[in-house]
Amino acid sequence: MLDALAGDLEISVNRVDIDGLPAVRTRYDRHVPVLCHEDTEICRHSLDLPKLERYLASQRDAASR
């Protein structure tokens, strides 16, 4: 679903295989899938589109200041 929305939301999606990253696996093992931007966790277990849209809006607001 996120891939289908990426163009409309003007974002790119980078999938990470946590099995090859022990620190990431320890942090998120029971919570995948997880959607993050840099060090900020946006949502886990399922895509929360309203939460993602609020996050993207806050990033755009911060960038325009």
Protein backbone atom coordinates (compact mmCIF):
# COMPACT_ATOMS: atom_id res chain seq x y z
CA MET A 1 0.00 0.00 0.00
CA LEU A 2 2.77 2.45 0.88
CA ASP A 3 4.48 1.87 -2.46
CA ALA A 4 1.25 2.80 -4.24
CA LEU A 5 0.96 6.02 -2.20
CA ALA A 6 4.62 7.05 -2.36
CA GLY A 7 4.24 9.07 -5.56
CA ASP A 8 1.15 10.88 -4.33
CA LEU A 9 2.82 11.65 -1.01
CA GLU A 10 6.07 12.70 -2.72
CA ILE A 11 8.18 10.28 -0.69
CA SER A 12 10.53 7.43 -1.45
CA VAL A 13 10.40 4.11 0.35
CA ASN A 14 13.51 2.21 1.41
CA ARG A 15 12.94 -1.30 2.72
CA VAL A 16 15.42 -2.62 5.28
CA ASP A 17 15.94 -6.31 6.05
CA ILE A 18 16.36 -6.24 9.81
CA ASP A 19 17.83 -9.76 9.91
CA GLY A 20 21.15 -8.35 8.69
CA LEU A 21 21.20 -5.52 11.24
CA PRO A 22 21.38 -6.89 14.80
CA ALA A 23 20.74 -3.55 16.55
CA VAL A 24 17.70 -2.84 14.40
CA ARG A 25 16.40 -6.39 14.83
CA THR A 26 16.74 -6.10 18.61
CA ARG A 27 14.79 -2.84 18.59
CA TYR A 28 11.98 -3.82 16.18
CA ASP A 29 11.90 -7.64 16.05
CA ARG A 30 8.33 -8.03 17.31
CA HIS A 31 7.06 -4.81 15.78
CA VAL A 32 7.60 -5.18 12.04
CA PRO A 33 6.62 -3.68 9.79
CA VAL A 34 7.79 -0.32 11.10
CA LEU A 35 7.74 2.96 9.22
CA CYS A 36 10.52 5.37 10.21
CA HIS A 37 12.06 8.54 8.92
CA GLU A 38 15.62 8.95 10.09
CA ASP A 39 15.38 8.24 13.85
CA THR A 40 11.66 8.97 14.15
CA GLU A 41 9.23 6.06 14.29
CA ILE A 42 6.02 6.99 12.50
CA CYS A 43 3.97 3.80 12.91
CA ARG A 44 4.37 0.07 13.49
CA HIS A 45 2.49 -3.15 12.73
CA SER A 46 0.37 -1.51 10.02
CA LEU A 47 0.31 1.64 7.95
CA ASP A 48 -1.41 4.45 9.84
CA LEU A 49 -2.08 6.80 6.94
CA PRO A 50 -3.46 9.72 9.01
CA LYS A 51 -0.40 9.57 11.27
CA LEU A 52 1.92 9.46 8.25
CA GLU A 53 0.16 12.44 6.67
CA ARG A 54 0.44 14.44 9.93
CA TYR A 55 4.13 13.59 10.15
CA LEU A 56 4.78 14.62 6.55
CA ALA A 57 2.89 17.88 7.09
CA SER A 58 4.97 18.65 10.18
CA GLN A 59 8.17 17.99 8.20
CA ARG A 60 7.04 20.31 5.41
CA ASP A 61 6.12 23.01 7.95
CA ALA A 62 9.52 22.71 9.62
CA ALA A 63 11.31 22.88 6.26
CA SER A 64 9.44 26.05 5.26
CA ARG A 65 10.52 27.98 8.37
